[in-house]
Amino acid sequence: MLGIGATVRRLISPYAWPLAVVFMVGATATMLMFMPERIDHHGWQLAMLSLTVAGLCDTNGRRGGAMVGIASAVSLSIGLELLPYAAMAGAIIALRWVWDRSEAERLSIYALTLGGGSTLGFALFASNANQSMRCDALTPVWLSVMIAAGMLLFLLARFGPASRGMRLALAVAAGAAIVAGFALVFPQCLGRPEGISPELQRNWLDNVREAKPIYKHSFRVGFALATLPIIGLIGAAIAAWRARRDPSAVGWAAVALFTAFACAMLLWQVRAGPAAQMLAIPGATALAWLIIPRLLGNRSIAVRVLGTAAAFLIVSGMFAGMVLQYLPIDRPKPYEKRVNMATGDCLRTTVLLALNKYPAQTIFTFVDMGPRLITITHHDAIAGPYHRNGDAILDVQHAFGRSADEAHAIIKRHGATMLLLCPNAAESTNYKARSPKGVLFRAGEERGAGVADPATAAGEVAAAAV
């Protein structure tokens, strides 16, 4: 809220920030990242992204460049999820310098804080595992990229020529050098950064809902998610056009480019939704700042009251959730409701706490239940839905899809002494679709959710229901 508030204060009005905060509260995908007790990396990365936008709009070059560089470095030290946005921010700062040589100070401060901040983040927070040449975190791979990019951008800012065309050519050459060097030195990172096996990618990662593009989701999901980003893009474009002869034009151009980039990211993965909604707030606020005062000043009381309320709901995107409940589309099917209910019931704290009446041991269960199991109970699990846990995930998938002897061998190898099943859950339906004759799956379907001794993996389970 501080980052978005600073952006709208600089671009719209010193009094516009409360409206932006209200719009932020209505951005449901974004606010889900900040739910109470949600201890997760996405919230901090979104906070850094909001500061990045504020820095791009800052007329003070030194402060703005430092803010973007530090925020990008902190975000990358947490994880690479917002790496495309960090790259976009760097490209915008470089383009500002290409267009106006007086932006050299902003570019040089950005370059130093990006390279230095990433180095400091790696030195302080990189785990032992991240000190190897992995592609999915701030490891020596991406650290070297950030340092190289910082050095090249600093040299460009310090010794850039007076000709705009030459500055553009040098910026393009620097970008090409970074890309070519990355491809030559780290060819293992040219594919998916997770580095998982083709089997695991096919059976698991390709089926993760948030990793699919928005057009592969239902209209209900896509409409609610994309409404605010589209409104924000329209608002940012209009504001940029209206400010084309104003000092704020550069800031609005940065916001419009960032918002357009976020909307395009939805076509790649729907997990870009929280960032897209947050980045849409300045544009939506500008649109409201343009429309609502005119409605409030109208002579008709109906326009002043109803028109203002309607404009607020539309410009904020809040109308999307209101109208969806009345649209006869994408209604959940009865089977989908059963799956959602089964998954929810199996993960409930009160349900899992019943397992604590058994002595602490390793329980063989679904991948999605692993983290919840070790958090709520005193038991251990085999796998969790994390790509570096790939071998264990495959073991679970193989056990649920193969014969009794193979399943028992896998379970025994992991030292598990109990089996936890959850029929009709989302993960269970995937196993059924791929391996309808899997022995553990059939045992669960026949007996219902329960805990069993894995020695009876052929299905003769008779333990207390969970």
Protein backbone atom coordinates (compact mmCIF):
# COMPACT_ATOMS: atom_id res chain seq x y z
CA MET A 1 0.00 0.00 0.00
CA LEU A 2 2.92 2.34 0.69
CA GLY A 3 4.44 1.66 -2.74
CA ILE A 4 1.17 2.04 -4.63
CA GLY A 5 0.26 5.12 -2.56
CA ALA A 6 3.58 6.76 -3.44
CA THR A 7 2.98 6.04 -7.13
CA VAL A 8 -0.46 7.64 -7.29
CA ARG A 9 0.69 10.62 -5.20
CA ARG A 10 3.43 11.30 -7.71
CA LEU A 11 1.38 10.73 -10.85
CA ILE A 12 -2.22 11.72 -9.98
CA SER A 13 -2.62 13.82 -6.85
CA PRO A 14 -1.34 14.00 -3.27
CA TYR A 15 -4.91 13.17 -2.25
CA ALA A 16 -5.43 10.11 -4.48
CA TRP A 17 -3.74 7.51 -2.30
CA PRO A 18 -6.81 6.62 -0.13
CA LEU A 19 -8.73 5.70 -3.28
CA ALA A 20 -5.82 3.55 -4.43
CA VAL A 21 -5.79 1.76 -1.06
CA VAL A 22 -9.53 1.04 -1.36
CA PHE A 23 -9.01 -0.32 -4.87
CA MET A 24 -6.16 -2.46 -3.56
CA VAL A 25 -8.42 -4.04 -0.95
CA GLY A 26 -10.80 -4.99 -3.77
CA ALA A 27 -8.02 -6.69 -5.74
CA THR A 28 -8.83 -10.16 -4.41
CA ALA A 29 -6.02 -12.09 -6.11
CA THR A 30 -3.47 -9.66 -4.70
CA MET A 31 -4.96 -9.52 -1.23
CA LEU A 32 -5.00 -13.32 -0.97
CA MET A 33 -1.21 -13.09 -0.85
CA PHE A 34 -1.47 -11.02 2.34
CA MET A 35 -4.03 -13.04 4.29
CA PRO A 36 -3.40 -13.15 8.05
CA GLU A 37 -0.96 -15.94 9.00
CA ARG A 38 -0.05 -16.55 5.35
CA ILE A 39 3.72 -16.80 5.72
CA ASP A 40 4.85 -16.99 2.13
CA HIS A 41 7.31 -15.42 -0.29
CA HIS A 42 4.74 -13.96 -2.70
CA GLY A 43 3.66 -11.18 -0.35
CA TRP A 44 7.15 -9.76 0.11
CA GLN A 45 7.87 -10.03 -3.62
CA LEU A 46 4.68 -8.12 -4.45
CA ALA A 47 5.66 -5.48 -1.89
CA MET A 48 9.02 -5.10 -3.64
CA LEU A 49 7.22 -4.85 -6.99
CA SER A 50 5.09 -1.99 -5.67
CA LEU A 51 8.27 -0.17 -4.60
CA THR A 52 9.74 -0.83 -8.04
CA VAL A 53 6.84 0.97 -9.70
CA ALA A 54 7.15 3.84 -7.22
CA GLY A 55 10.85 4.11 -8.06
CA LEU A 56 10.19 4.16 -11.79
CA CYS A 57 7.85 7.13 -11.27
CA ASP A 58 10.21 9.05 -8.99
CA THR A 59 11.46 12.30 -10.52
CA ASN A 60 14.51 12.12 -8.25
CA GLY A 61 16.87 10.01 -10.35
CA ARG A 62 19.20 8.88 -7.58
CA ARG A 63 16.39 7.90 -5.22
CA GLY A 64 14.30 6.30 -7.96
CA GLY A 65 17.20 4.29 -9.35
CA ALA A 66 18.21 3.08 -5.90
CA MET A 67 14.64 2.11 -5.04
CA VAL A 68 14.23 0.02 -8.21
CA GLY A 69 17.65 -1.62 -7.84
CA ILE A 70 17.26 -2.49 -4.15
CA ALA A 71 13.67 -3.71 -4.55
CA SER A 72 14.68 -5.91 -7.49
CA ALA A 73 17.64 -7.33 -5.56
CA VAL A 74 15.49 -8.12 -2.50
CA SER A 75 12.84 -9.78 -4.69
CA LEU A 76 15.45 -11.91 -6.48
CA SER A 77 17.04 -12.89 -3.15
CA ILE A 78 13.64 -14.26 -2.10
CA GLY A 79 12.92 -16.11 -5.37
CA LEU A 80 12.87 -15.83 -9.13
CA GLU A 81 9.09 -15.67 -9.59
CA LEU A 82 9.18 -11.94 -10.42
CA LEU A 83 12.40 -12.04 -12.44
CA PRO A 84 10.53 -11.04 -15.65
CA TYR A 85 9.21 -7.92 -13.90
CA ALA A 86 12.67 -7.06 -12.59
CA ALA A 87 14.03 -7.40 -16.13
CA MET A 88 11.21 -5.20 -17.43
CA ALA A 89 12.00 -2.53 -14.84
CA GLY A 90 15.66 -2.57 -15.88
CA ALA A 91 14.67 -2.26 -19.53
CA ILE A 92 12.44 0.75 -18.75
CA ILE A 93 15.27 2.53 -16.89
CA ALA A 94 17.65 1.79 -19.77
CA LEU A 95 15.14 3.15 -22.29
CA ARG A 96 14.77 6.32 -20.23
CA TRP A 97 18.53 6.77 -20.49
CA VAL A 98 18.47 6.07 -24.22
CA TRP A 99 15.82 8.76 -24.69
CA ASP A 100 17.33 11.27 -22.29
CA ARG A 101 21.02 11.27 -21.44
CA SER A 102 20.34 13.21 -18.25
CA GLU A 103 18.91 9.94 -16.84
CA ALA A 104 22.46 8.57 -16.61
CA GLU A 105 22.56 9.09 -12.85
CA ARG A 106 19.37 7.06 -12.38
CA LEU A 107 20.78 4.27 -14.54
CA SER A 108 24.16 4.18 -12.78
CA ILE A 109 22.62 4.09 -9.28
CA TYR A 110 20.21 1.37 -10.41
CA ALA A 111 23.08 -0.68 -11.83
CA LEU A 112 25.15 -0.43 -8.65
CA THR A 113 22.28 -1.26 -6.29
CA LEU A 114 21.09 -4.15 -8.46
CA GLY A 115 24.50 -5.82 -8.68
CA GLY A 116 25.56 -4.94 -5.14
CA GLY A 117 22.19 -5.78 -3.60
CA SER A 118 22.03 -9.15 -5.33
CA THR A 119 25.55 -9.95 -4.14
CA LEU A 120 24.69 -9.00 -0.58
CA GLY A 121 21.45 -10.99 -0.71
CA PHE A 122 23.30 -14.05 -1.95
CA ALA A 123 26.02 -13.74 0.70
CA LEU A 124 23.53 -13.35 3.55
CA PHE A 125 20.67 -15.64 2.57
CA ALA A 126 21.72 -18.25 0.00
CA SER A 127 21.36 -21.77 1.35
CA ASN A 128 24.07 -24.37 0.85
CA ALA A 129 21.96 -25.90 -1.92
CA ASN A 130 21.77 -22.55 -3.70
CA GLN A 131 25.53 -22.28 -3.90
CA SER A 132 25.55 -24.83 -6.73
CA MET A 133 24.76 -24.03 -10.37
CA ARG A 134 20.98 -24.32 -10.08
CA CYS A 135 18.63 -22.39 -12.32
CA ASP A 136 15.62 -21.89 -10.04
CA ALA A 137 16.92 -19.38 -7.46
CA LEU A 138 19.54 -16.70 -6.88
CA THR A 139 22.46 -19.06 -7.31
CA PRO A 140 25.89 -18.32 -8.87
CA VAL A 141 24.09 -18.59 -12.22
CA TRP A 142 21.73 -15.65 -11.74
CA LEU A 143 24.09 -13.78 -9.43
CA SER A 144 26.66 -13.61 -12.22
CA VAL A 145 23.95 -12.34 -14.58
CA MET A 146 22.96 -9.56 -12.16
CA ILE A 147 26.58 -8.54 -11.59
CA ALA A 148 27.34 -8.54 -15.32
CA ALA A 149 24.18 -6.57 -16.09
CA GLY A 150 25.00 -4.06 -13.34
CA MET A 151 28.54 -3.58 -14.62
CA LEU A 152 27.47 -3.09 -18.23
CA LEU A 153 24.68 -0.66 -17.35
CA PHE A 154 27.03 1.33 -15.10
CA LEU A 155 29.59 1.61 -17.90
CA LEU A 156 26.88 2.71 -20.33
CA ALA A 157 25.67 5.39 -17.94
CA ARG A 158 29.20 6.60 -17.21
CA PHE A 159 30.57 6.69 -20.73
CA GLY A 160 27.45 6.78 -22.92
CA PRO A 161 27.71 8.87 -26.11
CA ALA A 162 25.69 11.99 -26.84
CA SER A 163 23.94 10.44 -29.85
CA ARG A 164 20.58 8.86 -29.03
CA GLY A 165 21.04 6.34 -31.82
CA MET A 166 24.41 5.27 -30.46
CA ARG A 167 22.99 4.92 -26.95
CA LEU A 168 20.25 2.67 -28.30
CA ALA A 169 22.78 0.57 -30.21
CA LEU A 170 24.99 0.18 -27.13
CA ALA A 171 22.00 -0.76 -24.94
CA VAL A 172 20.93 -3.41 -27.45
CA ALA A 173 24.50 -4.71 -27.67
CA ALA A 174 24.74 -4.94 -23.88
CA GLY A 175 21.48 -6.89 -23.72
CA ALA A 176 22.62 -9.21 -26.49
CA ALA A 177 25.93 -9.81 -24.73
CA ILE A 178 24.15 -10.81 -21.51
CA VAL A 179 21.81 -13.18 -23.35
CA ALA A 180 24.62 -14.73 -25.41
CA GLY A 181 26.86 -15.14 -22.37
CA PHE A 182 24.05 -16.78 -20.42
CA ALA A 183 23.38 -19.24 -23.25
CA LEU A 184 27.05 -20.14 -23.63
CA VAL A 185 28.03 -20.38 -19.96
CA PHE A 186 24.79 -21.80 -18.53
CA PRO A 187 23.20 -23.92 -21.28
CA GLN A 188 21.53 -26.10 -18.64
CA CYS A 189 19.30 -23.14 -17.76
CA LEU A 190 17.90 -22.52 -21.23
CA GLY A 191 14.92 -24.79 -20.56
CA ARG A 192 12.60 -24.77 -17.58
CA PRO A 193 14.43 -23.50 -14.49
CA GLU A 194 13.05 -26.28 -12.28
CA GLY A 195 15.30 -28.88 -13.92
CA ILE A 196 12.87 -31.77 -13.40
CA SER A 197 12.53 -34.97 -15.39
CA PRO A 198 10.23 -35.10 -18.44
CA GLU A 199 8.03 -37.63 -16.61
CA LEU A 200 7.52 -35.37 -13.61
CA GLN A 201 6.88 -32.37 -15.82
CA ARG A 202 4.26 -34.33 -17.78
CA ASN A 203 2.56 -35.89 -14.75
CA TRP A 204 2.78 -33.01 -12.30
CA LEU A 205 4.14 -29.57 -13.24
CA ASP A 206 2.22 -29.26 -16.51
CA ASN A 207 -0.98 -29.90 -14.55
CA VAL A 208 -0.48 -27.26 -11.86
CA ARG A 209 -3.43 -24.89 -12.28
CA GLU A 210 -1.59 -21.67 -11.51
CA ALA A 211 1.09 -22.51 -14.08
CA LYS A 212 -1.44 -22.63 -16.94
CA PRO A 213 -2.30 -19.59 -19.09
CA ILE A 214 -5.49 -17.71 -18.37
CA TYR A 215 -7.24 -18.91 -21.53
CA LYS A 216 -7.00 -22.51 -20.29
CA HIS A 217 -9.06 -21.66 -17.23
CA SER A 218 -12.80 -21.28 -17.00
CA PHE A 219 -14.48 -18.00 -17.90
CA ARG A 220 -15.39 -17.55 -14.26
CA VAL A 221 -11.73 -17.62 -13.21
CA GLY A 222 -10.42 -15.61 -16.16
CA PHE A 223 -13.05 -12.88 -15.99
CA ALA A 224 -12.57 -12.24 -12.28
CA LEU A 225 -8.79 -12.23 -12.62
CA ALA A 226 -8.33 -10.16 -15.79
CA THR A 227 -11.00 -7.47 -15.32
CA LEU A 228 -8.97 -5.14 -13.10
CA PRO A 229 -5.70 -5.48 -15.10
CA ILE A 230 -7.52 -4.58 -18.32
CA ILE A 231 -9.21 -1.59 -16.66
CA GLY A 232 -5.87 -0.51 -15.21
CA LEU A 233 -4.18 -0.77 -18.60
CA ILE A 234 -6.88 1.38 -20.20
CA GLY A 235 -6.58 3.93 -17.40
CA ALA A 236 -2.78 4.04 -17.60
CA ALA A 237 -2.88 4.47 -21.39
CA ILE A 238 -5.38 7.33 -21.11
CA ALA A 239 -3.38 8.98 -18.33
CA ALA A 240 -0.14 8.66 -20.31
CA TRP A 241 -1.80 10.30 -23.33
CA ARG A 242 -3.26 13.13 -21.25
CA ALA A 243 0.14 13.74 -19.62
CA ARG A 244 2.14 13.58 -22.86
CA ARG A 245 3.31 17.19 -22.46
CA ASP A 246 3.63 17.00 -18.67
CA PRO A 247 6.67 15.95 -16.58
CA SER A 248 4.63 12.97 -15.33
CA ALA A 249 4.46 11.54 -18.86
CA VAL A 250 7.58 9.43 -18.34
CA GLY A 251 6.20 7.95 -15.14
CA TRP A 252 2.87 7.16 -16.75
CA ALA A 253 4.64 5.59 -19.72
CA ALA A 254 6.51 3.32 -17.28
CA VAL A 255 3.28 2.37 -15.50
CA ALA A 256 1.49 1.69 -18.81
CA LEU A 257 4.37 -0.48 -20.04
CA PHE A 258 4.51 -2.38 -16.76
CA THR A 259 0.73 -2.93 -16.72
CA ALA A 260 0.73 -4.10 -20.35
CA PHE A 261 3.57 -6.49 -19.55
CA ALA A 262 1.63 -7.87 -16.56
CA CYS A 263 -1.47 -8.43 -18.73
CA ALA A 264 0.68 -10.26 -21.28
CA MET A 265 2.11 -12.44 -18.49
CA LEU A 266 -1.42 -13.75 -17.83
CA LEU A 267 -1.26 -15.36 -21.26
CA TRP A 268 1.76 -17.32 -20.02
CA GLN A 269 0.76 -18.29 -16.48
CA VAL A 270 -2.26 -17.38 -14.40
CA ARG A 271 -0.03 -17.08 -11.33
CA ALA A 272 0.81 -13.61 -12.68
CA GLY A 273 -2.68 -12.50 -11.59
CA PRO A 274 -1.79 -11.01 -8.17
CA ALA A 275 0.99 -8.88 -9.69
CA ALA A 276 -1.21 -7.86 -12.63
CA GLN A 277 -4.01 -6.72 -10.34
CA MET A 278 -1.65 -4.77 -8.12
CA LEU A 279 0.05 -3.05 -11.06
CA ALA A 280 -3.38 -2.07 -12.40
CA ILE A 281 -4.21 0.04 -9.33
CA PRO A 282 -2.53 3.30 -10.49
CA GLY A 283 -4.26 3.18 -13.89
CA ALA A 284 -7.64 2.36 -12.35
CA THR A 285 -7.20 5.16 -9.81
CA ALA A 286 -6.38 7.63 -12.59
CA LEU A 287 -9.53 6.58 -14.45
CA ALA A 288 -11.63 7.03 -11.32
CA TRP A 289 -9.99 10.40 -10.61
CA LEU A 290 -11.07 11.48 -14.09
CA ILE A 291 -14.65 10.14 -14.08
CA ILE A 292 -15.98 10.27 -10.53
CA PRO A 293 -15.54 14.04 -9.90
CA ARG A 294 -17.57 14.78 -13.02
CA LEU A 295 -20.35 12.51 -11.83
CA LEU A 296 -20.32 14.05 -8.36
CA GLY A 297 -20.69 17.49 -9.90
CA ASN A 298 -23.69 16.55 -12.03
CA ARG A 299 -26.96 18.38 -11.38
CA SER A 300 -28.99 15.17 -11.30
CA ILE A 301 -29.10 13.48 -7.90
CA ALA A 302 -29.56 10.12 -9.61
CA VAL A 303 -26.34 10.60 -11.56
CA ARG A 304 -24.51 11.85 -8.48
CA VAL A 305 -25.56 8.87 -6.36
CA LEU A 306 -26.20 5.94 -8.69
CA GLY A 307 -23.77 7.02 -11.37
CA THR A 308 -20.93 7.51 -8.91
CA ALA A 309 -21.60 4.15 -7.24
CA ALA A 310 -21.73 2.38 -10.61
CA ALA A 311 -18.54 4.09 -11.79
CA PHE A 312 -16.75 3.10 -8.60
CA LEU A 313 -17.77 -0.55 -8.94
CA ILE A 314 -16.82 -0.68 -12.61
CA VAL A 315 -13.51 1.19 -12.48
CA SER A 316 -12.36 -0.74 -9.40
CA GLY A 317 -13.21 -4.05 -11.07
CA MET A 318 -15.33 -5.04 -8.06
CA PHE A 319 -18.34 -5.53 -10.29
CA ALA A 320 -16.75 -8.69 -11.74
CA GLY A 321 -17.30 -10.76 -8.61
CA MET A 322 -20.81 -9.37 -8.21
CA VAL A 323 -22.07 -10.27 -11.69
CA LEU A 324 -20.45 -13.70 -11.88
CA GLN A 325 -22.85 -15.20 -9.37
CA TYR A 326 -25.74 -14.34 -11.68
CA LEU A 327 -24.19 -15.74 -14.86
CA PRO A 328 -25.28 -19.32 -15.72
CA ILE A 329 -21.79 -20.32 -16.87
CA ASP A 330 -19.03 -22.49 -15.52
CA ARG A 331 -21.14 -23.78 -12.67
CA PRO A 332 -19.16 -26.39 -10.72
CA LYS A 333 -20.30 -29.90 -11.61
CA PRO A 334 -21.43 -32.21 -8.79
CA TYR A 335 -18.28 -34.29 -9.23
CA GLU A 336 -16.08 -31.18 -8.95
CA LYS A 337 -17.87 -30.22 -5.75
CA ARG A 338 -17.15 -33.68 -4.33
CA VAL A 339 -13.48 -33.34 -5.24
CA ASN A 340 -13.22 -29.91 -3.64
CA MET A 341 -15.03 -31.08 -0.54
CA ALA A 342 -12.87 -34.19 -0.21
CA THR A 343 -9.65 -32.21 -0.61
CA GLY A 344 -10.80 -29.61 1.89
CA ASP A 345 -11.96 -32.16 4.46
CA CYS A 346 -8.74 -34.17 4.29
CA LEU A 347 -6.62 -31.07 4.95
CA ARG A 348 -8.67 -29.78 7.86
CA THR A 349 -6.75 -29.36 11.09
CA THR A 350 -9.37 -31.14 13.17
CA VAL A 351 -9.22 -34.13 10.84
CA LEU A 352 -5.45 -34.43 10.74
CA LEU A 353 -5.09 -33.98 14.50
CA ALA A 354 -6.78 -37.38 14.91
CA LEU A 355 -3.53 -38.90 13.62
CA ASN A 356 -1.71 -37.83 16.78
CA LYS A 357 -3.27 -40.74 18.66
CA TYR A 358 -0.82 -42.95 16.75
CA PRO A 359 2.87 -42.98 17.78
CA ALA A 360 5.07 -40.62 15.73
CA GLN A 361 6.20 -42.31 12.51
CA THR A 362 6.59 -41.79 8.77
CA ILE A 363 3.27 -41.84 6.90
CA PHE A 364 3.04 -42.52 3.17
CA THR A 365 0.40 -40.21 1.69
CA PHE A 366 -0.39 -37.91 -1.23
CA VAL A 367 2.16 -35.29 -2.26
CA ASP A 368 -0.20 -32.39 -1.56
CA MET A 369 -0.87 -33.64 1.95
CA GLY A 370 2.79 -33.96 2.95
CA PRO A 371 3.47 -30.38 4.16
CA ARG A 372 0.14 -30.19 5.95
CA LEU A 373 0.77 -33.51 7.67
CA ILE A 374 4.16 -32.54 9.11
CA THR A 375 2.81 -29.13 10.20
CA ILE A 376 -0.35 -30.28 11.97
CA THR A 377 0.77 -33.64 13.38
CA HIS A 378 3.89 -35.12 14.95
CA HIS A 379 4.36 -37.47 11.97
CA ASP A 380 6.74 -37.32 9.01
CA ALA A 381 5.83 -37.50 5.32
CA ILE A 382 7.59 -38.53 2.11
CA ALA A 383 7.02 -35.71 -0.38
CA GLY A 384 5.68 -32.19 -0.82
CA PRO A 385 4.73 -30.27 -3.98
CA TYR A 386 8.14 -28.67 -4.52
CA HIS A 387 10.11 -29.28 -7.70
CA ARG A 388 13.41 -29.98 -5.90
CA ASN A 389 11.53 -32.83 -4.22
CA GLY A 390 11.15 -34.43 -7.66
CA ASP A 391 12.47 -37.93 -6.92
CA ALA A 392 10.20 -38.32 -3.89
CA ILE A 393 7.20 -37.03 -5.85
CA LEU A 394 7.82 -39.65 -8.53
CA ASP A 395 8.09 -42.34 -5.86
CA VAL A 396 4.66 -41.39 -4.53
CA GLN A 397 3.17 -41.33 -8.01
CA HIS A 398 4.69 -44.71 -8.86
CA ALA A 399 3.47 -46.26 -5.63
CA PHE A 400 -0.10 -45.15 -6.29
CA GLY A 401 0.01 -46.29 -9.89
CA ARG A 402 1.73 -49.66 -9.83
CA SER A 403 1.32 -53.16 -8.45
CA ALA A 404 1.11 -54.11 -4.78
CA ASP A 405 4.67 -55.47 -4.71
CA GLU A 406 6.12 -52.34 -6.33
CA ALA A 407 4.12 -50.06 -4.06
CA HIS A 408 5.19 -51.97 -0.96
CA ALA A 409 8.85 -51.83 -2.01
CA ILE A 410 8.71 -48.05 -2.46
CA ILE A 411 6.95 -47.53 0.85
CA LYS A 412 9.44 -49.77 2.67
CA ARG A 413 12.40 -47.98 1.08
CA HIS A 414 11.18 -44.70 2.57
CA GLY A 415 10.70 -46.25 6.00
CA ALA A 416 6.97 -45.50 6.09
CA THR A 417 4.93 -47.59 8.50
CA MET A 418 1.46 -46.20 7.87
CA LEU A 419 -0.59 -45.25 4.81
CA LEU A 420 -2.95 -42.26 4.67
CA LEU A 421 -5.55 -42.15 1.88
CA CYS A 422 -8.04 -39.51 0.80
CA PRO A 423 -10.44 -40.81 -1.88
CA ASN A 424 -12.05 -38.33 -4.27
CA ALA A 425 -9.43 -35.68 -3.49
CA ALA A 426 -7.92 -33.76 -6.41
CA GLU A 427 -4.65 -35.72 -6.39
CA SER A 428 -6.54 -38.99 -6.08
CA THR A 429 -8.51 -38.25 -9.25
CA ASN A 430 -5.25 -37.73 -11.15
CA TYR A 431 -3.97 -41.13 -10.05
CA LYS A 432 -7.23 -42.75 -11.05
CA ALA A 433 -7.11 -41.16 -14.52
CA ARG A 434 -3.54 -42.31 -15.15
CA SER A 435 -3.56 -45.69 -13.38
CA PRO A 436 -7.10 -46.91 -12.64
CA LYS A 437 -5.70 -50.25 -11.47
CA GLY A 438 -3.21 -48.81 -9.02
CA VAL A 439 -3.45 -50.94 -5.90
CA LEU A 440 -3.21 -48.19 -3.29
CA PHE A 441 -5.76 -46.08 -5.10
CA ARG A 442 -8.20 -49.00 -5.29
CA ALA A 443 -7.65 -49.70 -1.60
CA GLY A 444 -8.63 -46.16 -0.74
CA GLU A 445 -11.69 -46.15 -2.98
CA GLU A 446 -12.90 -49.42 -1.51
CA ARG A 447 -12.32 -48.57 2.14
CA GLY A 448 -12.81 -44.82 2.31
CA ALA A 449 -10.41 -42.32 3.80
CA GLY A 450 -8.33 -43.94 6.48
CA VAL A 451 -4.99 -44.94 7.89
CA ALA A 452 -3.56 -48.38 7.27
CA ASP A 453 -0.56 -50.57 7.75
CA PRO A 454 1.21 -50.51 4.35
CA ALA A 455 2.07 -54.18 4.73
CA THR A 456 -1.53 -54.77 3.67
CA ALA A 457 -1.08 -52.65 0.54
CA ALA A 458 -3.16 -55.04 -1.53
CA GLY A 459 -6.21 -53.45 -0.01
CA GLU A 460 -7.00 -55.38 3.15
CA VAL A 461 -6.98 -52.21 5.21
CA ALA A 462 -8.78 -52.10 8.50
CA ALA A 463 -7.78 -49.16 10.64
CA ALA A 464 -9.54 -46.31 12.33
CA ALA A 465 -11.13 -43.88 9.86
CA VAL A 466 -9.61 -40.42 9.92
